[in-house]
């Protein structure tokens, strides 16, 4: 599951362990139920949407060129990913295997057009 190109310590299981340790050290683990994690995930995803809400398509494509906005986007992406990884940990879902299987299903469901 380790990405060979990821910097040391940035594989999914290591990040999930860091998140679990962070929550445990603050006695938050009892609150990390699937329902609460999904709710928090939704809130963080909405905060990400809020950044883009009134931008034109062209402005949204350039969002990372403004350092302040890029920082906000990066933070919200991290928040979304953190809650998603915690949810996967609690529900014993391998997120990479789940995504791989979903891509396989979508490739069968939506075949690429043939020819030029």
PDB file of N, CA and C in Angstrom:
ATOM      1  N   UNK A   1       0.820  -1.196   0.000  1.00  0.00           N
ATOM      2  CA  UNK A   1       0.000   0.000   0.000  1.00  0.00           C
ATOM      3  C   UNK A   1       0.861   1.256   0.000  1.00  0.00           C
ATOM      4  N   UNK A   2       2.141   1.116   0.217  1.00  0.00           N
ATOM      5  CA  UNK A   2       3.046   2.280   0.213  1.00  0.00           C
ATOM      6  C   UNK A   2       3.298   2.735  -1.208  1.00  0.00           C
ATOM      7  N   UNK A   3       3.093   4.002  -1.451  1.00  0.00           N
ATOM      8  CA  UNK A   3       3.398   4.609  -2.744  1.00  0.00           C
ATOM      9  C   UNK A   3       4.908   4.769  -2.825  1.00  0.00           C
ATOM     10  N   UNK A   4       5.556   4.143  -3.822  1.00  0.00           N
ATOM     11  CA  UNK A   4       7.014   4.230  -3.892  1.00  0.00           C
ATOM     12  C   UNK A   4       7.531   5.646  -4.111  1.00  0.00           C
ATOM     13  N   UNK A   5       6.680   6.544  -4.597  1.00  0.00           N
ATOM     14  CA  UNK A   5       7.116   7.919  -4.831  1.00  0.00           C
ATOM     15  C   UNK A   5       6.760   8.862  -3.687  1.00  0.00           C
ATOM     16  N   UNK A   6       6.026   8.366  -2.692  1.00  0.00           N
ATOM     17  CA  UNK A   6       5.655   9.217  -1.562  1.00  0.00           C
ATOM     18  C   UNK A   6       6.850   9.397  -0.637  1.00  0.00           C
ATOM     19  N   UNK A   7       6.994  10.599  -0.075  1.00  0.00           N
ATOM     20  CA  UNK A   7       8.074  10.793   0.907  1.00  0.00           C
ATOM     21  C   UNK A   7       7.889   9.833   2.083  1.00  0.00           C
ATOM     22  N   UNK A   8       8.968   9.541   2.779  1.00  0.00           N
ATOM     23  CA  UNK A   8       8.896   8.635   3.924  1.00  0.00           C
ATOM     24  C   UNK A   8       7.800   9.069   4.885  1.00  0.00           C
ATOM     25  N   UNK A   9       7.012   8.087   5.352  1.00  0.00           N
ATOM     26  CA  UNK A   9       5.960   8.361   6.322  1.00  0.00           C
ATOM     27  C   UNK A   9       4.652   8.805   5.727  1.00  0.00           C
ATOM     28  N   UNK A  10       4.546   8.875   4.418  1.00  0.00           N
ATOM     29  CA  UNK A  10       3.313   9.369   3.813  1.00  0.00           C
ATOM     30  C   UNK A  10       2.537   8.269   3.095  1.00  0.00           C
ATOM     31  N   UNK A  11       2.476   7.088   3.688  1.00  0.00           N
ATOM     32  CA  UNK A  11       1.607   6.061   3.134  1.00  0.00           C
ATOM     33  C   UNK A  11       0.298   6.073   3.929  1.00  0.00           C
ATOM     34  N   UNK A  12      -0.736   5.488   3.357  1.00  0.00           N
ATOM     35  CA  UNK A  12      -2.068   5.554   3.961  1.00  0.00           C
ATOM     36  C   UNK A  12      -2.091   4.963   5.374  1.00  0.00           C
ATOM     37  N   UNK A  13      -1.580   3.760   5.596  1.00  0.00           N
ATOM     38  CA  UNK A  13      -1.645   3.220   6.964  1.00  0.00           C
ATOM     39  C   UNK A  13      -0.918   4.085   8.002  1.00  0.00           C
ATOM     40  N   UNK A  14       0.207   4.657   7.627  1.00  0.00           N
ATOM     41  CA  UNK A  14       0.935   5.514   8.571  1.00  0.00           C
ATOM     42  C   UNK A  14       0.126   6.758   8.905  1.00  0.00           C
ATOM     43  N   UNK A  15      -0.482   7.366   7.900  1.00  0.00           N
ATOM     44  CA  UNK A  15      -1.306   8.553   8.151  1.00  0.00           C
ATOM     45  C   UNK A  15      -2.529   8.193   8.995  1.00  0.00           C
ATOM     46  N   UNK A  16      -3.143   7.034   8.719  1.00  0.00           N
ATOM     47  CA  UNK A  16      -4.286   6.613   9.527  1.00  0.00           C
ATOM     48  C   UNK A  16      -3.869   6.403  10.982  1.00  0.00           C
ATOM     49  N   UNK A  17      -2.706   5.823  11.202  1.00  0.00           N
ATOM     50  CA  UNK A  17      -2.211   5.608  12.569  1.00  0.00           C
ATOM     51  C   UNK A  17      -1.959   6.950  13.249  1.00  0.00           C
ATOM     52  N   UNK A  18      -1.374   7.904  12.542  1.00  0.00           N
ATOM     53  CA  UNK A  18      -1.134   9.237  13.123  1.00  0.00           C
ATOM     54  C   UNK A  18      -2.449   9.905  13.512  1.00  0.00           C
ATOM     55  N   UNK A  19      -3.456   9.782  12.646  1.00  0.00           N
ATOM     56  CA  UNK A  19      -4.767  10.361  12.951  1.00  0.00           C
ATOM     57  C   UNK A  19      -5.386   9.686  14.174  1.00  0.00           C
ATOM     58  N   UNK A  20      -5.299   8.361  14.243  1.00  0.00           N
ATOM     59  CA  UNK A  20      -5.849   7.628  15.390  1.00  0.00           C
ATOM     60  C   UNK A  20      -5.112   8.002  16.672  1.00  0.00           C
ATOM     61  N   UNK A  21      -3.797   8.106  16.593  1.00  0.00           N
ATOM     62  CA  UNK A  21      -3.007   8.493  17.767  1.00  0.00           C
ATOM     63  C   UNK A  21      -3.352   9.912  18.222  1.00  0.00           C
ATOM     64  N   UNK A  22      -3.525  10.811  17.265  1.00  0.00           N
ATOM     65  CA  UNK A  22      -3.894  12.199  17.570  1.00  0.00           C
ATOM     66  C   UNK A  22      -5.223  12.229  18.324  1.00  0.00           C
ATOM     67  N   UNK A  23      -6.212  11.482  17.813  1.00  0.00           N
ATOM     68  CA  UNK A  23      -7.530  11.447  18.456  1.00  0.00           C
ATOM     69  C   UNK A  23      -7.452  10.790  19.833  1.00  0.00           C
ATOM     70  N   UNK A  24      -6.710   9.695  19.940  1.00  0.00           N
ATOM     71  CA  UNK A  24      -6.606   8.983  21.218  1.00  0.00           C
ATOM     72  C   UNK A  24      -5.935   9.847  22.282  1.00  0.00           C
ATOM     73  N   UNK A  25      -4.917  10.588  21.907  1.00  0.00           N
ATOM     74  CA  UNK A  25      -4.197  11.434  22.861  1.00  0.00           C
ATOM     75  C   UNK A  25      -5.086  12.534  23.433  1.00  0.00           C
ATOM     76  N   UNK A  26      -6.147  12.864  22.738  1.00  0.00           N
ATOM     77  CA  UNK A  26      -7.061  13.924  23.179  1.00  0.00           C
ATOM     78  C   UNK A  26      -8.393  13.359  23.676  1.00  0.00           C
ATOM     79  N   UNK A  27      -8.444  12.032  23.797  1.00  0.00           N
ATOM     80  CA  UNK A  27      -9.668  11.332  24.217  1.00  0.00           C
ATOM     81  C   UNK A  27     -10.840  11.608  23.281  1.00  0.00           C
ATOM     82  N   UNK A  28     -10.554  11.756  21.994  1.00  0.00           N
ATOM     83  CA  UNK A  28     -11.603  11.991  21.005  1.00  0.00           C
ATOM     84  C   UNK A  28     -12.104  10.697  20.375  1.00  0.00           C
ATOM     85  N   UNK A  29     -11.379   9.611  20.540  1.00  0.00           N
ATOM     86  CA  UNK A  29     -11.736   8.357  19.869  1.00  0.00           C
ATOM     87  C   UNK A  29     -13.196   7.947  20.103  1.00  0.00           C
ATOM     88  N   UNK A  30     -13.759   8.111  21.318  1.00  0.00           N
ATOM     89  CA  UNK A  30     -15.157   7.713  21.510  1.00  0.00           C
ATOM     90  C   UNK A  30     -16.146   8.483  20.626  1.00  0.00           C
ATOM     91  N   UNK A  31     -15.741   9.648  20.172  1.00  0.00           N
ATOM     92  CA  UNK A  31     -16.619  10.468  19.330  1.00  0.00           C
ATOM     93  C   UNK A  31     -16.459  10.147  17.845  1.00  0.00           C
ATOM     94  N   UNK A  32     -15.477   9.342  17.521  1.00  0.00           N
ATOM     95  CA  UNK A  32     -15.207   9.031  16.119  1.00  0.00           C
ATOM     96  C   UNK A  32     -16.016   7.827  15.664  1.00  0.00           C
ATOM     97  N   UNK A  33     -17.336   7.995  15.742  1.00  0.00           N
ATOM     98  CA  UNK A  33     -18.267   6.986  15.238  1.00  0.00           C
ATOM     99  C   UNK A  33     -18.453   7.222  13.743  1.00  0.00           C
ATOM    100  N   UNK A  34     -18.904   6.210  13.013  1.00  0.00           N
ATOM    101  CA  UNK A  34     -19.141   6.438  11.579  1.00  0.00           C
ATOM    102  C   UNK A  34     -20.054   7.634  11.318  1.00  0.00           C
ATOM    103  N   UNK A  35     -21.137   7.755  12.086  1.00  0.00           N
ATOM    104  CA  UNK A  35     -22.069   8.871  11.879  1.00  0.00           C
ATOM    105  C   UNK A  35     -21.373  10.211  12.076  1.00  0.00           C
ATOM    106  N   UNK A  36     -20.616  10.347  13.149  1.00  0.00           N
ATOM    107  CA  UNK A  36     -19.939  11.616  13.419  1.00  0.00           C
ATOM    108  C   UNK A  36     -18.864  11.915  12.387  1.00  0.00           C
ATOM    109  N   UNK A  37     -18.126  10.892  11.972  1.00  0.00           N
ATOM    110  CA  UNK A  37     -17.081  11.114  10.974  1.00  0.00           C
ATOM    111  C   UNK A  37     -17.669  11.511   9.627  1.00  0.00           C
ATOM    112  N   UNK A  38     -18.780  10.883   9.238  1.00  0.00           N
ATOM    113  CA  UNK A  38     -19.431  11.256   7.975  1.00  0.00           C
ATOM    114  C   UNK A  38     -19.964  12.681   8.060  1.00  0.00           C
ATOM    115  N   UNK A  39     -20.524  13.049   9.198  1.00  0.00           N
ATOM    116  CA  UNK A  39     -21.013  14.425   9.363  1.00  0.00           C
ATOM    117  C   UNK A  39     -19.870  15.423   9.259  1.00  0.00           C
ATOM    118  N   UNK A  40     -18.765  15.146   9.931  1.00  0.00           N
ATOM    119  CA  UNK A  40     -17.609  16.042   9.878  1.00  0.00           C
ATOM    120  C   UNK A  40     -17.037  16.112   8.466  1.00  0.00           C
ATOM    121  N   UNK A  41     -17.008  14.980   7.782  1.00  0.00           N
ATOM    122  CA  UNK A  41     -16.540  14.936   6.394  1.00  0.00           C
ATOM    123  C   UNK A  41     -17.398  15.840   5.519  1.00  0.00           C
ATOM    124  N   UNK A  42     -18.702  15.780   5.710  1.00  0.00           N
ATOM    125  CA  UNK A  42     -19.617  16.621   4.937  1.00  0.00           C
ATOM    126  C   UNK A  42     -19.378  18.103   5.209  1.00  0.00           C
ATOM    127  N   UNK A  43     -19.162  18.454   6.456  1.00  0.00           N
ATOM    128  CA  UNK A  43     -18.893  19.851   6.817  1.00  0.00           C
ATOM    129  C   UNK A  43     -17.615  20.331   6.141  1.00  0.00           C
ATOM    130  N   UNK A  44     -16.560  19.523   6.215  1.00  0.00           N
ATOM    131  CA  UNK A  44     -15.287  19.926   5.611  1.00  0.00           C
ATOM    132  C   UNK A  44     -15.394  20.007   4.090  1.00  0.00           C
ATOM    133  N   UNK A  45     -16.129  19.085   3.473  1.00  0.00           N
ATOM    134  CA  UNK A  45     -16.330  19.155   2.021  1.00  0.00           C
ATOM    135  C   UNK A  45     -17.090  20.431   1.661  1.00  0.00           C
ATOM    136  N   UNK A  46     -18.054  20.805   2.491  1.00  0.00           N
ATOM    137  CA  UNK A  46     -18.795  22.048   2.251  1.00  0.00           C
ATOM    138  C   UNK A  46     -17.895  23.271   2.381  1.00  0.00           C
ATOM    139  N   UNK A  47     -16.948  23.224   3.310  1.00  0.00           N
ATOM    140  CA  UNK A  47     -16.004  24.339   3.440  1.00  0.00           C
ATOM    141  C   UNK A  47     -15.117  24.442   2.201  1.00  0.00           C
ATOM    142  N   UNK A  48     -14.795  23.323   1.592  1.00  0.00           N
ATOM    143  CA  UNK A  48     -14.038  23.333   0.340  1.00  0.00           C
ATOM    144  C   UNK A  48     -14.896  23.908  -0.790  1.00  0.00           C
ATOM    145  N   UNK A  49     -16.145  23.490  -0.855  1.00  0.00           N
ATOM    146  CA  UNK A  49     -17.065  24.022  -1.869  1.00  0.00           C
ATOM    147  C   UNK A  49     -17.203  25.531  -1.727  1.00  0.00           C
ATOM    148  N   UNK A  50     -17.268  26.002  -0.499  1.00  0.00           N
ATOM    149  CA  UNK A  50     -17.457  27.430  -0.245  1.00  0.00           C
ATOM    150  C   UNK A  50     -16.371  28.282  -0.907  1.00  0.00           C
ATOM    151  N   UNK A  51     -15.158  27.777  -0.960  1.00  0.00           N
ATOM    152  CA  UNK A  51     -14.059  28.522  -1.585  1.00  0.00           C
ATOM    153  C   UNK A  51     -14.337  28.750  -3.069  1.00  0.00           C
ATOM    154  N   UNK A  52     -14.953  27.779  -3.713  1.00  0.00           N
ATOM    155  CA  UNK A  52     -15.182  27.817  -5.159  1.00  0.00           C
ATOM    156  C   UNK A  52     -16.568  28.335  -5.542  1.00  0.00           C
ATOM    157  N   UNK A  53     -17.440  28.496  -4.569  1.00  0.00           N
ATOM    158  CA  UNK A  53     -18.861  28.719  -4.815  1.00  0.00           C
ATOM    159  C   UNK A  53     -19.176  29.788  -5.856  1.00  0.00           C
ATOM    160  N   UNK A  54     -18.588  30.931  -5.782  1.00  0.00           N
ATOM    161  CA  UNK A  54     -18.956  32.027  -6.676  1.00  0.00           C
ATOM    162  C   UNK A  54     -17.895  32.320  -7.729  1.00  0.00           C
ATOM    163  N   UNK A  55     -16.959  31.408  -7.905  1.00  0.00           N
ATOM    164  CA  UNK A  55     -15.930  31.601  -8.924  1.00  0.00           C
ATOM    165  C   UNK A  55     -16.436  31.150 -10.287  1.00  0.00           C
ATOM    166  N   UNK A  56     -15.962  31.809 -11.313  1.00  0.00           N
ATOM    167  CA  UNK A  56     -16.238  31.329 -12.668  1.00  0.00           C
ATOM    168  C   UNK A  56     -15.388  30.080 -12.907  1.00  0.00           C
ATOM    169  N   UNK A  57     -15.698  29.300 -13.939  1.00  0.00           N
ATOM    170  CA  UNK A  57     -14.840  28.150 -14.248  1.00  0.00           C
ATOM    171  C   UNK A  57     -13.378  28.554 -14.453  1.00  0.00           C
ATOM    172  N   UNK A  58     -13.176  29.688 -15.091  1.00  0.00           N
ATOM    173  CA  UNK A  58     -11.810  30.161 -15.335  1.00  0.00           C
ATOM    174  C   UNK A  58     -11.108  30.531 -14.022  1.00  0.00           C
ATOM    175  N   UNK A  59     -11.819  31.227 -13.144  1.00  0.00           N
ATOM    176  CA  UNK A  59     -11.242  31.584 -11.848  1.00  0.00           C
ATOM    177  C   UNK A  59     -10.925  30.336 -11.024  1.00  0.00           C
ATOM    178  N   UNK A  60     -11.822  29.360 -11.080  1.00  0.00           N
ATOM    179  CA  UNK A  60     -11.589  28.140 -10.303  1.00  0.00           C
ATOM    180  C   UNK A  60     -10.364  27.379 -10.800  1.00  0.00           C
ATOM    181  N   UNK A  61     -10.086  27.456 -12.089  1.00  0.00           N
ATOM    182  CA  UNK A  61      -8.906  26.784 -12.649  1.00  0.00           C
ATOM    183  C   UNK A  61      -7.610  27.446 -12.188  1.00  0.00           C
ATOM    184  N   UNK A  62      -7.689  28.699 -11.781  1.00  0.00           N
ATOM    185  CA  UNK A  62      -6.502  29.449 -11.343  1.00  0.00           C
ATOM    186  C   UNK A  62      -6.408  29.583  -9.823  1.00  0.00           C
ATOM    187  N   UNK A  63      -7.238  28.872  -9.096  1.00  0.00           N
ATOM    188  CA  UNK A  63      -7.345  29.075  -7.649  1.00  0.00           C
ATOM    189  C   UNK A  63      -6.019  28.863  -6.917  1.00  0.00           C
ATOM    190  N   UNK A  64      -5.172  27.991  -7.421  1.00  0.00           N
ATOM    191  CA  UNK A  64      -3.917  27.710  -6.723  1.00  0.00           C
ATOM    192  C   UNK A  64      -2.839  28.752  -7.008  1.00  0.00           C
ATOM    193  N   UNK A  65      -3.128  29.707  -7.890  1.00  0.00           N
ATOM    194  CA  UNK A  65      -2.135  30.743  -8.188  1.00  0.00           C
ATOM    195  C   UNK A  65      -2.108  31.846  -7.131  1.00  0.00           C
ATOM    196  N   UNK A  66      -3.139  31.945  -6.324  1.00  0.00           N
ATOM    197  CA  UNK A  66      -3.169  32.910  -5.224  1.00  0.00           C
ATOM    198  C   UNK A  66      -2.724  32.190  -3.952  1.00  0.00           C
ATOM    199  N   UNK A  67      -1.617  32.598  -3.347  1.00  0.00           N
ATOM    200  CA  UNK A  67      -1.084  31.859  -2.194  1.00  0.00           C
ATOM    201  C   UNK A  67      -2.068  31.699  -1.033  1.00  0.00           C
ATOM    202  N   UNK A  68      -2.829  32.736  -0.718  1.00  0.00           N
ATOM    203  CA  UNK A  68      -3.777  32.631   0.395  1.00  0.00           C
ATOM    204  C   UNK A  68      -4.883  31.631   0.089  1.00  0.00           C
ATOM    205  N   UNK A  69      -5.431  31.714  -1.117  1.00  0.00           N
ATOM    206  CA  UNK A  69      -6.487  30.786  -1.502  1.00  0.00           C
ATOM    207  C   UNK A  69      -5.937  29.373  -1.633  1.00  0.00           C
ATOM    208  N   UNK A  70      -4.750  29.245  -2.181  1.00  0.00           N
ATOM    209  CA  UNK A  70      -4.125  27.922  -2.312  1.00  0.00           C
ATOM    210  C   UNK A  70      -3.956  27.277  -0.940  1.00  0.00           C
ATOM    211  N   UNK A  71      -3.567  28.072   0.045  1.00  0.00           N
ATOM    212  CA  UNK A  71      -3.408  27.551   1.405  1.00  0.00           C
ATOM    213  C   UNK A  71      -4.753  27.073   1.954  1.00  0.00           C
ATOM    214  N   UNK A  72      -5.805  27.857   1.739  1.00  0.00           N
ATOM    215  CA  UNK A  72      -7.146  27.471   2.209  1.00  0.00           C
ATOM    216  C   UNK A  72      -7.609  26.190   1.536  1.00  0.00           C
ATOM    217  N   UNK A  73      -7.428  26.103   0.213  1.00  0.00           N
ATOM    218  CA  UNK A  73      -7.836  24.897  -0.520  1.00  0.00           C
ATOM    219  C   UNK A  73      -7.070  23.686   0.006  1.00  0.00           C
ATOM    220  N   UNK A  74      -5.767  23.834   0.154  1.00  0.00           N
ATOM    221  CA  UNK A  74      -4.936  22.730   0.634  1.00  0.00           C
ATOM    222  C   UNK A  74      -5.370  22.279   2.026  1.00  0.00           C
ATOM    223  N   UNK A  75      -5.650  23.216   2.912  1.00  0.00           N
ATOM    224  CA  UNK A  75      -6.109  22.865   4.258  1.00  0.00           C
ATOM    225  C   UNK A  75      -7.441  22.125   4.230  1.00  0.00           C
ATOM    226  N   UNK A  76      -8.373  22.591   3.410  1.00  0.00           N
ATOM    227  CA  UNK A  76      -9.680  21.929   3.357  1.00  0.00           C
ATOM    228  C   UNK A  76      -9.573  20.542   2.727  1.00  0.00           C
ATOM    229  N   UNK A  77      -8.738  20.398   1.704  1.00  0.00           N
ATOM    230  CA  UNK A  77      -8.510  19.069   1.120  1.00  0.00           C
ATOM    231  C   UNK A  77      -7.951  18.138   2.195  1.00  0.00           C
ATOM    232  N   UNK A  78      -7.012  18.638   2.989  1.00  0.00           N
ATOM    233  CA  UNK A  78      -6.439  17.826   4.067  1.00  0.00           C
ATOM    234  C   UNK A  78      -7.505  17.438   5.089  1.00  0.00           C
ATOM    235  N   UNK A  79      -8.384  18.365   5.435  1.00  0.00           N
ATOM    236  CA  UNK A  79      -9.455  18.055   6.387  1.00  0.00           C
ATOM    237  C   UNK A  79     -10.384  16.976   5.838  1.00  0.00           C
ATOM    238  N   UNK A  80     -10.771  17.102   4.572  1.00  0.00           N
ATOM    239  CA  UNK A  80     -11.642  16.104   3.942  1.00  0.00           C
ATOM    240  C   UNK A  80     -10.958  14.739   3.951  1.00  0.00           C
ATOM    241  N   UNK A  81      -9.705  14.711   3.540  1.00  0.00           N
ATOM    242  CA  UNK A  81      -8.972  13.447   3.491  1.00  0.00           C
ATOM    243  C   UNK A  81      -8.805  12.850   4.889  1.00  0.00           C
ATOM    244  N   UNK A  82      -8.536  13.689   5.873  1.00  0.00           N
ATOM    245  CA  UNK A  82      -8.366  13.192   7.243  1.00  0.00           C
ATOM    246  C   UNK A  82      -9.625  12.484   7.727  1.00  0.00           C
ATOM    247  N   UNK A  83     -10.777  13.110   7.539  1.00  0.00           N
ATOM    248  CA  UNK A  83     -12.014  12.472   7.993  1.00  0.00           C
ATOM    249  C   UNK A  83     -12.334  11.232   7.168  1.00  0.00           C
ATOM    250  N   UNK A  84     -12.047  11.249   5.879  1.00  0.00           N
ATOM    251  CA  UNK A  84     -12.289  10.069   5.051  1.00  0.00           C
ATOM    252  C   UNK A  84     -11.394   8.910   5.491  1.00  0.00           C
ATOM    253  N   UNK A  85     -10.126   9.185   5.749  1.00  0.00           N
ATOM    254  CA  UNK A  85      -9.220   8.128   6.204  1.00  0.00           C
ATOM    255  C   UNK A  85      -9.627   7.598   7.579  1.00  0.00           C
ATOM    256  N   UNK A  86     -10.086   8.477   8.457  1.00  0.00           N
ATOM    257  CA  UNK A  86     -10.557   8.022   9.767  1.00  0.00           C
ATOM    258  C   UNK A  86     -11.804   7.159   9.633  1.00  0.00           C
ATOM    259  N   UNK A  87     -12.707   7.539   8.740  1.00  0.00           N
ATOM    260  CA  UNK A  87     -13.903   6.735   8.495  1.00  0.00           C
ATOM    261  C   UNK A  87     -13.517   5.351   7.975  1.00  0.00           C
ATOM    262  N   UNK A  88     -12.592   5.313   7.034  1.00  0.00           N
ATOM    263  CA  UNK A  88     -12.133   4.028   6.498  1.00  0.00           C
ATOM    264  C   UNK A  88     -11.517   3.169   7.594  1.00  0.00           C
ATOM    265  N   UNK A  89     -10.759   3.775   8.479  1.00  0.00           N
ATOM    266  CA  UNK A  89     -10.138   3.039   9.587  1.00  0.00           C
ATOM    267  C   UNK A  89     -11.206   2.439  10.501  1.00  0.00           C
ATOM    268  N   UNK A  90     -12.194   3.244  10.871  1.00  0.00           N
ATOM    269  CA  UNK A  90     -13.250   2.794  11.780  1.00  0.00           C
ATOM    270  C   UNK A  90     -14.084   1.676  11.144  1.00  0.00           C
ATOM    271  N   UNK A  91     -14.332   1.772   9.839  1.00  0.00           N
ATOM    272  CA  UNK A  91     -15.163   0.781   9.146  1.00  0.00           C
ATOM    273  C   UNK A  91     -14.352  -0.352   8.529  1.00  0.00           C
ATOM    274  N   UNK A  92     -13.040  -0.340   8.735  1.00  0.00           N
ATOM    275  CA  UNK A  92     -12.138  -1.361   8.192  1.00  0.00           C
ATOM    276  C   UNK A  92     -12.248  -1.449   6.666  1.00  0.00           C
ATOM    277  N   UNK A  93     -12.189  -0.294   6.026  1.00  0.00           N
ATOM    278  CA  UNK A  93     -12.189  -0.200   4.563  1.00  0.00           C
ATOM    279  C   UNK A  93     -10.785   0.174   4.123  1.00  0.00           C
ATOM    280  N   UNK A  94     -10.245  -0.578   3.187  1.00  0.00           N
ATOM    281  CA  UNK A  94      -8.962  -0.209   2.580  1.00  0.00           C
ATOM    282  C   UNK A  94      -9.290   0.810   1.495  1.00  0.00           C
ATOM    283  N   UNK A  95      -8.967   2.094   1.693  1.00  0.00           N
ATOM    284  CA  UNK A  95      -9.397   3.114   0.732  1.00  0.00           C
ATOM    285  C   UNK A  95      -8.800   2.927  -0.654  1.00  0.00           C
ATOM    286  N   UNK A  96      -7.561   2.456  -0.740  1.00  0.00           N
ATOM    287  CA  UNK A  96      -6.949   2.257  -2.057  1.00  0.00           C
ATOM    288  C   UNK A  96      -7.584   1.084  -2.781  1.00  0.00           C
ATOM    289  N   UNK A  97      -7.864   0.001  -2.069  1.00  0.00           N
ATOM    290  CA  UNK A  97      -8.527  -1.153  -2.684  1.00  0.00           C
ATOM    291  C   UNK A  97      -9.952  -0.791  -3.090  1.00  0.00           C
ATOM    292  N   UNK A  98     -10.640  -0.013  -2.256  1.00  0.00           N
ATOM    293  CA  UNK A  98     -12.004   0.408  -2.581  1.00  0.00           C
ATOM    294  C   UNK A  98     -12.021   1.258  -3.845  1.00  0.00           C
ATOM    295  N   UNK A  99     -11.076   2.185  -3.953  1.00  0.00           N
ATOM    296  CA  UNK A  99     -11.003   3.035  -5.141  1.00  0.00           C
ATOM    297  C   UNK A  99     -10.644   2.224  -6.372  1.00  0.00           C
ATOM    298  N   UNK A 100      -9.693   1.320  -6.244  1.00  0.00           N
ATOM    299  CA  UNK A 100      -9.293   0.473  -7.364  1.00  0.00           C
ATOM    300  C   UNK A 100     -10.480  -0.346  -7.870  1.00  0.00           C
ATOM    301  N   UNK A 101     -11.243  -0.934  -6.951  1.00  0.00           N
ATOM    302  CA  UNK A 101     -12.417  -1.724  -7.333  1.00  0.00           C
ATOM    303  C   UNK A 101     -13.479  -0.846  -7.988  1.00  0.00           C
ATOM    304  N   UNK A 102     -13.654   0.361  -7.490  1.00  0.00           N
ATOM    305  CA  UNK A 102     -14.651   1.281  -8.061  1.00  0.00           C
ATOM    306  C   UNK A 102     -14.260   1.697  -9.477  1.00  0.00           C
ATOM    307  N   UNK A 103     -12.975   1.962  -9.702  1.00  0.00           N
ATOM    308  CA  UNK A 103     -12.517   2.304 -11.057  1.00  0.00           C
ATOM    309  C   UNK A 103     -12.770   1.130 -11.995  1.00  0.00           C
ATOM    310  N   UNK A 104     -12.491  -0.092 -11.536  1.00  0.00           N
ATOM    311  CA  UNK A 104     -12.768  -1.283 -12.354  1.00  0.00           C
ATOM    312  C   UNK A 104     -14.245  -1.352 -12.729  1.00  0.00           C
ATOM    313  N   UNK A 105     -15.131  -1.154 -11.748  1.00  0.00           N
ATOM    314  CA  UNK A 105     -16.578  -1.193 -12.034  1.00  0.00           C
ATOM    315  C   UNK A 105     -16.970  -0.093 -13.016  1.00  0.00           C
ATOM    316  N   UNK A 106     -16.426   1.111 -12.837  1.00  0.00           N
ATOM    317  CA  UNK A 106     -16.762   2.214 -13.740  1.00  0.00           C
ATOM    318  C   UNK A 106     -16.243   1.974 -15.152  1.00  0.00           C
ATOM    319  N   UNK A 107     -15.082   1.326 -15.284  1.00  0.00           N
ATOM    320  CA  UNK A 107     -14.564   1.006 -16.620  1.00  0.00           C
ATOM    321  C   UNK A 107     -15.490   0.038 -17.345  1.00  0.00           C
ATOM    322  N   UNK A 108     -16.071  -0.898 -16.611  1.00  0.00           N
ATOM    323  CA  UNK A 108     -17.037  -1.821 -17.229  1.00  0.00           C
ATOM    324  C   UNK A 108     -18.363  -1.119 -17.499  1.00  0.00           C
ATOM    325  N   UNK A 109     -18.776  -0.282 -16.589  1.00  0.00           N
ATOM    326  CA  UNK A 109     -20.067   0.403 -16.705  1.00  0.00           C
ATOM    327  C   UNK A 109     -20.055   1.479 -17.787  1.00  0.00           C
ATOM    328  N   UNK A 110     -18.938   2.169 -17.926  1.00  0.00           N
ATOM    329  CA  UNK A 110     -18.814   3.266 -18.885  1.00  0.00           C
ATOM    330  C   UNK A 110     -17.616   3.017 -19.793  1.00  0.00           C
ATOM    331  N   UNK A 111     -17.742   2.078 -20.731  1.00  0.00           N
ATOM    332  CA  UNK A 111     -16.592   1.783 -21.597  1.00  0.00           C
ATOM    333  C   UNK A 111     -16.213   2.996 -22.447  1.00  0.00           C
ATOM    334  N   UNK A 112     -14.918   3.113 -22.699  1.00  0.00           N
ATOM    335  CA  UNK A 112     -14.422   4.201 -23.547  1.00  0.00           C
ATOM    336  C   UNK A 112     -14.895   3.969 -24.974  1.00  0.00           C
ATOM    337  N   UNK A 113     -15.224   5.041 -25.693  1.00  0.00           N
ATOM    338  CA  UNK A 113     -15.646   4.883 -27.085  1.00  0.00           C
ATOM    339  C   UNK A 113     -14.508   4.303 -27.923  1.00  0.00           C
ATOM    340  N   UNK A 114     -14.882   3.511 -28.883  1.00  0.00           N
ATOM    341  CA  UNK A 114     -13.874   2.916 -29.767  1.00  0.00           C
ATOM    342  C   UNK A 114     -13.608   3.830 -30.948  1.00  0.00           C
ATOM    343  N   UNK A 115     -12.389   3.738 -31.453  1.00  0.00           N
ATOM    344  CA  UNK A 115     -12.032   4.499 -32.651  1.00  0.00           C
ATOM    345  C   UNK A 115     -11.641   5.928 -32.349  1.00  0.00           C
ATOM    346  N   UNK A 116     -11.271   6.653 -33.428  1.00  0.00           N
ATOM    347  CA  UNK A 116     -10.807   8.039 -33.261  1.00  0.00           C
ATOM    348  C   UNK A 116     -11.887   9.015 -32.901  1.00  0.00           C
TER     349      UNK A 116
END
